[in-house]
Protein backbone atom coordinates (compact mmCIF):
# COMPACT_ATOMS: atom_id res chain seq x y z
CA MET A 1 -18.26 44.53 114.03
CA LYS A 2 -21.99 44.87 114.17
CA LYS A 3 -23.85 43.53 111.19
CA ILE A 4 -26.76 45.34 109.75
CA SER A 5 -29.07 43.49 107.35
CA ILE A 6 -29.94 44.85 104.08
CA VAL A 7 -33.64 44.95 104.93
CA ALA A 8 -32.88 47.17 107.96
CA LEU A 9 -31.06 49.82 105.69
CA LEU A 10 -33.87 49.64 103.08
CA LEU A 11 -36.39 50.22 105.61
CA ALA A 12 -34.49 53.04 107.38
CA SER A 13 -33.87 54.85 104.03
CA THR A 14 -37.43 54.34 102.82
CA SER A 15 -38.90 55.81 106.10
CA PHE A 16 -36.47 58.78 105.83
CA ALA A 17 -37.37 59.38 102.16
CA HIS A 18 -41.18 59.00 102.88
CA ALA A 19 -40.92 61.59 105.74
CA GLN A 20 -38.89 64.09 103.48
CA LYS A 21 -41.50 64.22 100.71
CA PHE A 22 -44.42 65.53 102.83
CA SER A 23 -44.64 69.15 104.06
CA GLY A 24 -46.99 70.36 106.85
CA VAL A 25 -49.57 72.89 105.45
CA PRO A 26 -51.11 74.88 108.62
CA VAL A 27 -54.65 76.06 108.65
CA ALA A 28 -55.47 78.78 111.30
CA ASN A 29 -59.19 78.98 112.17
CA LEU A 30 -60.58 76.27 110.25
CA THR A 31 -64.43 75.99 110.48
CA ASN A 32 -67.33 74.97 108.15
CA VAL A 33 -66.01 76.96 105.06
CA ALA A 34 -63.92 74.51 102.96
CA GLN A 35 -60.37 75.56 102.72
CA ALA A 36 -57.94 74.33 99.95
CA ILE A 37 -54.94 72.61 101.33
CA LYS A 38 -53.66 71.62 97.80
CA THR A 39 -54.91 72.54 94.29
CA ALA A 40 -53.26 69.47 92.65
CA ARG A 41 -53.17 65.70 92.82
CA GLY A 42 -51.19 64.28 95.77
CA THR A 43 -51.39 62.35 99.10
CA LEU A 44 -52.42 63.31 102.54
CA ALA A 45 -49.96 61.35 104.85
CA TRP A 46 -51.07 63.00 108.26
CA ALA A 47 -53.25 65.54 110.10
CA SER A 48 -53.04 67.23 113.38
CA CYS A 49 -55.87 69.32 114.68
CA ASN A 50 -56.69 71.09 118.02
CA ASN A 51 -60.30 70.98 118.83
CA PRO A 52 -60.90 73.63 121.57
CA ASN A 53 -64.66 72.62 121.80
CA SER A 54 -66.14 70.52 124.57
CA SER A 55 -67.63 67.98 122.02
CA VAL A 56 -66.21 65.83 119.30
CA GLU A 57 -66.05 67.76 116.05
CA TYR A 58 -65.35 66.42 112.67
CA LEU A 59 -62.68 67.21 109.83
CA GLN A 60 -64.23 66.68 106.38
CA PHE A 61 -61.99 66.02 103.43
CA PHE A 62 -63.01 66.87 99.78
CA ASP A 63 -61.15 65.60 96.57
CA SER A 64 -61.89 68.73 94.63
CA ILE A 65 -60.57 72.15 93.44
CA GLY A 66 -64.14 73.32 92.76
CA THR A 67 -66.78 75.07 94.91
CA ILE A 68 -67.68 73.08 97.91
CA THR A 69 -70.88 73.48 99.73
CA VAL A 70 -70.19 72.03 103.11
CA GLY A 71 -73.30 70.02 104.22
CA THR A 72 -74.19 69.40 100.68
CA THR A 73 -71.18 68.11 99.06
CA ALA A 74 -70.27 64.59 100.15
CA PRO A 75 -66.91 64.56 101.66
CA LYS A 76 -64.30 61.90 100.46
CA PHE A 77 -63.94 60.99 104.09
CA TRP A 78 -64.08 62.59 107.73
CA LEU A 79 -62.28 62.03 110.89
CA PRO A 80 -63.57 62.75 114.30
CA VAL A 81 -61.65 65.14 116.62
CA ASN A 82 -61.91 64.55 120.17
CA ALA A 83 -62.93 67.39 122.53
CA SER A 84 -60.68 69.66 124.03
CA LEU A 85 -57.37 68.19 122.72
CA VAL A 86 -54.72 68.06 119.98
CA GLN A 87 -55.33 64.96 117.91
CA TYR A 88 -52.92 63.51 115.61
CA PHE A 89 -53.82 61.19 112.64
CA ALA A 90 -50.79 59.31 111.45
CA ASN A 91 -50.24 57.09 108.27
CA LEU A 92 -53.42 58.27 106.46
CA ASP A 93 -51.93 57.88 103.01
CA VAL A 94 -54.96 58.98 101.26
CA ILE A 95 -54.64 59.78 97.65
CA TYR A 96 -56.62 62.69 96.18
CA LEU A 97 -56.86 63.23 92.39
CA ALA A 98 -58.01 66.73 91.94
CA GLY A 99 -57.03 68.71 95.09
CA LEU A 100 -57.66 68.73 98.74
CA GLN A 101 -59.95 70.77 100.58
CA VAL A 102 -60.84 70.48 104.42
CA ALA A 103 -63.72 71.76 106.55
CA PHE A 104 -64.52 71.60 110.51
CA THR A 105 -68.02 70.72 111.41
CA THR A 106 -70.27 69.43 114.11
CA THR A 107 -71.30 66.30 112.44
CA PRO A 108 -69.45 63.94 109.90
CA ALA A 109 -71.24 65.18 106.70
CA GLY A 110 -73.14 68.12 107.99
CA GLY A 111 -72.72 71.82 107.39
CA ALA A 112 -72.96 73.53 110.94
CA ALA A 113 -69.85 75.24 112.41
CA PRO A 114 -68.54 74.28 115.91
CA SER A 115 -68.77 77.24 118.42
CA SER A 116 -64.86 77.51 118.16
CA ASN A 117 -62.69 77.14 115.05
CA ALA A 118 -59.86 74.44 114.87
CA GLN A 119 -56.14 75.12 114.36
CA CYS A 120 -54.72 72.29 112.16
CA SER A 121 -51.87 71.31 110.09
CA PHE A 122 -51.80 68.60 107.25
CA GLY A 123 -48.87 66.68 105.70
CA VAL A 124 -49.25 66.64 101.98
CA ASN A 125 -47.17 66.13 98.81
């Protein structure tokens, strides 16, 4: 009979529970206008984004349910999305207190739109 440790069982059940409590929110045609992902407090677990452009572009994240002026309002954080591919960001575990909005721009905190929009999905609870 194979023995399984209590720690292994706890880790397996914790990982399954963690995966179950996050849902994917797709955002088609993401550009430099902030789009609401969630309008309440929560956690961003992961992000996946297709950057069709030939240069690195940036996802900007805002902890707000208010009006965002991309390029003026400072993002909570940003992620670079490599050129011409789908990039997956795992294990982000970013807590937001008000709500989560996101934009896609040519620089980390700027307001200019890339030549082509991104297709993204975000794991939130």
